[in-house]
N, C-alpha and C. Protein backbone atom coordinates (compact mmCIF):
# COMPACT_ATOMS: atom_id res chain seq x y z
N MET A 1 -9.57 20.31 0.79
CA MET A 1 -8.44 19.65 0.20
C MET A 1 -8.22 18.31 0.91
N ILE A 2 -7.93 17.30 0.12
CA ILE A 2 -7.52 16.01 0.67
C ILE A 2 -6.18 15.68 0.04
N LYS A 3 -5.19 15.49 0.87
CA LYS A 3 -3.86 15.10 0.40
C LYS A 3 -3.49 13.81 1.10
N ILE A 4 -3.32 12.75 0.33
CA ILE A 4 -2.89 11.47 0.88
C ILE A 4 -1.48 11.21 0.37
N GLU A 5 -0.65 10.73 1.26
CA GLU A 5 0.74 10.44 0.91
C GLU A 5 1.04 8.98 1.25
N LYS A 6 1.61 8.28 0.28
CA LYS A 6 2.03 6.89 0.52
C LYS A 6 3.37 6.93 1.23
N VAL A 7 3.46 6.22 2.35
CA VAL A 7 4.71 6.11 3.11
C VAL A 7 5.03 4.63 3.27
N GLN A 8 6.16 4.33 3.83
CA GLN A 8 6.62 2.94 3.92
C GLN A 8 5.62 2.02 4.61
N ASP A 9 5.02 2.46 5.70
CA ASP A 9 4.13 1.59 6.48
C ASP A 9 2.65 1.81 6.22
N GLY A 10 2.29 2.59 5.21
CA GLY A 10 0.87 2.83 4.94
C GLY A 10 0.66 4.17 4.26
N TYR A 11 -0.29 4.94 4.81
CA TYR A 11 -0.66 6.22 4.21
C TYR A 11 -0.85 7.27 5.30
N LEU A 12 -0.57 8.52 4.92
CA LEU A 12 -0.85 9.67 5.76
C LEU A 12 -1.88 10.53 5.02
N ALA A 13 -2.72 11.23 5.76
CA ALA A 13 -3.70 12.11 5.13
C ALA A 13 -3.72 13.45 5.83
N HIS A 14 -3.98 14.49 5.04
CA HIS A 14 -4.20 15.84 5.55
C HIS A 14 -5.47 16.32 4.86
N VAL A 15 -6.48 16.64 5.64
CA VAL A 15 -7.78 16.99 5.09
C VAL A 15 -8.23 18.34 5.65
N THR A 16 -8.72 19.20 4.76
CA THR A 16 -9.26 20.49 5.16
C THR A 16 -10.61 20.70 4.49
N SER A 17 -11.27 21.80 4.82
CA SER A 17 -12.56 22.09 4.20
C SER A 17 -12.35 22.27 2.69
N PRO A 18 -13.30 22.00 1.89
CA PRO A 18 -14.70 21.75 2.21
C PRO A 18 -15.03 20.29 2.51
N HIS A 19 -14.03 19.43 2.52
CA HIS A 19 -14.28 18.00 2.73
C HIS A 19 -14.56 17.63 4.18
N ILE A 20 -14.17 18.49 5.09
CA ILE A 20 -14.27 18.19 6.51
C ILE A 20 -14.42 19.52 7.25
N GLN A 21 -15.09 19.52 8.39
CA GLN A 21 -15.33 20.78 9.09
C GLN A 21 -14.06 21.34 9.74
N GLU A 22 -13.28 20.51 10.39
CA GLU A 22 -12.06 20.95 11.03
C GLU A 22 -10.87 20.25 10.39
N GLU A 23 -9.77 20.97 10.22
CA GLU A 23 -8.57 20.38 9.64
C GLU A 23 -8.17 19.14 10.43
N TRP A 24 -7.73 18.11 9.70
CA TRP A 24 -7.35 16.86 10.35
C TRP A 24 -6.14 16.27 9.65
N LYS A 25 -5.19 15.77 10.44
CA LYS A 25 -4.02 15.05 9.94
C LYS A 25 -4.01 13.68 10.58
N SER A 26 -3.81 12.67 9.78
CA SER A 26 -3.85 11.30 10.28
C SER A 26 -2.48 10.84 10.75
N PRO A 27 -2.48 9.84 11.62
CA PRO A 27 -1.25 9.08 11.85
C PRO A 27 -1.07 8.15 10.65
N THR A 28 0.01 7.40 10.59
CA THR A 28 0.18 6.42 9.53
C THR A 28 -0.85 5.31 9.71
N LEU A 29 -1.65 5.08 8.66
CA LEU A 29 -2.70 4.07 8.70
C LEU A 29 -2.64 3.21 7.45
N SER A 30 -3.22 2.02 7.53
CA SER A 30 -3.36 1.19 6.34
C SER A 30 -4.42 1.83 5.45
N CYS A 31 -4.51 1.37 4.23
CA CYS A 31 -5.50 1.89 3.29
C CYS A 31 -6.91 1.75 3.86
N SER A 32 -7.26 0.56 4.31
CA SER A 32 -8.62 0.32 4.81
C SER A 32 -8.91 1.13 6.07
N GLU A 33 -7.92 1.27 6.95
CA GLU A 33 -8.11 2.07 8.16
C GLU A 33 -8.33 3.54 7.81
N LEU A 34 -7.56 4.03 6.85
CA LEU A 34 -7.69 5.43 6.45
C LEU A 34 -9.04 5.69 5.78
N VAL A 35 -9.48 4.78 4.93
CA VAL A 35 -10.79 4.94 4.30
C VAL A 35 -11.88 4.99 5.37
N LYS A 36 -11.84 4.08 6.34
CA LYS A 36 -12.83 4.08 7.42
C LYS A 36 -12.82 5.39 8.19
N GLU A 37 -11.63 5.89 8.51
CA GLU A 37 -11.51 7.14 9.27
C GLU A 37 -12.05 8.33 8.47
N LEU A 38 -11.71 8.38 7.20
CA LEU A 38 -12.19 9.48 6.37
C LEU A 38 -13.70 9.43 6.20
N ARG A 39 -14.25 8.25 5.99
CA ARG A 39 -15.72 8.11 5.86
C ARG A 39 -16.40 8.51 7.17
N PHE A 40 -15.83 8.11 8.31
CA PHE A 40 -16.38 8.48 9.60
C PHE A 40 -16.43 10.00 9.76
N ARG A 41 -15.44 10.68 9.19
CA ARG A 41 -15.37 12.13 9.28
C ARG A 41 -16.19 12.83 8.21
N GLY A 42 -16.88 12.06 7.36
CA GLY A 42 -17.81 12.64 6.40
C GLY A 42 -17.26 12.92 5.02
N VAL A 43 -16.07 12.41 4.72
CA VAL A 43 -15.49 12.64 3.40
C VAL A 43 -16.15 11.69 2.40
N HIS A 44 -16.51 12.23 1.24
CA HIS A 44 -17.20 11.45 0.20
C HIS A 44 -16.25 10.42 -0.40
N THR A 45 -16.78 9.25 -0.72
CA THR A 45 -15.96 8.15 -1.24
C THR A 45 -15.25 8.52 -2.55
N THR A 46 -15.88 9.31 -3.40
CA THR A 46 -15.22 9.71 -4.65
C THR A 46 -14.00 10.56 -4.35
N SER A 47 -14.11 11.46 -3.40
CA SER A 47 -12.98 12.30 -3.02
C SER A 47 -11.85 11.46 -2.43
N ILE A 48 -12.21 10.45 -1.67
CA ILE A 48 -11.21 9.56 -1.07
C ILE A 48 -10.48 8.79 -2.16
N SER A 49 -11.22 8.19 -3.07
CA SER A 49 -10.58 7.39 -4.11
C SER A 49 -9.73 8.26 -5.03
N ASP A 50 -10.18 9.48 -5.34
CA ASP A 50 -9.38 10.39 -6.17
C ASP A 50 -8.05 10.73 -5.48
N ALA A 51 -8.10 10.98 -4.17
CA ALA A 51 -6.88 11.32 -3.43
C ALA A 51 -5.93 10.13 -3.34
N PHE A 52 -6.48 8.93 -3.14
CA PHE A 52 -5.63 7.74 -3.13
C PHE A 52 -4.97 7.52 -4.49
N TYR A 53 -5.73 7.70 -5.55
CA TYR A 53 -5.19 7.51 -6.89
C TYR A 53 -4.06 8.49 -7.17
N GLU A 54 -4.22 9.74 -6.72
CA GLU A 54 -3.17 10.74 -6.91
C GLU A 54 -1.91 10.37 -6.14
N ALA A 55 -2.07 9.82 -4.94
CA ALA A 55 -0.93 9.43 -4.11
C ALA A 55 -0.26 8.16 -4.60
N ASP A 56 -1.06 7.23 -5.13
CA ASP A 56 -0.56 5.91 -5.51
C ASP A 56 -1.47 5.32 -6.57
N PRO A 57 -1.15 5.51 -7.86
CA PRO A 57 -2.03 5.01 -8.92
C PRO A 57 -2.35 3.52 -8.83
N ASN A 58 -1.52 2.74 -8.13
CA ASN A 58 -1.75 1.29 -7.99
C ASN A 58 -2.38 0.91 -6.67
N TRP A 59 -3.01 1.85 -5.98
CA TRP A 59 -3.50 1.60 -4.64
C TRP A 59 -4.50 0.46 -4.58
N LEU A 60 -5.27 0.22 -5.62
CA LEU A 60 -6.25 -0.87 -5.60
C LEU A 60 -5.59 -2.24 -5.79
N GLN A 61 -4.41 -2.29 -6.34
CA GLN A 61 -3.71 -3.56 -6.53
C GLN A 61 -2.92 -3.97 -5.30
N ASN A 62 -2.84 -3.11 -4.29
CA ASN A 62 -2.03 -3.40 -3.10
C ASN A 62 -2.92 -3.46 -1.85
N PRO A 63 -3.75 -4.48 -1.74
CA PRO A 63 -4.62 -4.55 -0.55
C PRO A 63 -3.81 -4.74 0.72
N ASP A 64 -4.34 -4.22 1.82
CA ASP A 64 -3.62 -4.40 3.09
C ASP A 64 -4.26 -5.44 3.95
């Protein structure tokens, strides 16, 4: 499961298997920082973009 939440200063993420081996919760990060962190942890880009879209349908129009 990947759950991304839009917050005032950026995004929070909570990731569990099968997307990642160990459960992980992020601090508040910018969009680009969170994408880098998730990719580093092995999460597929399609899964990342789907989770961002669910959290914020306009996420691509709001670059950080």
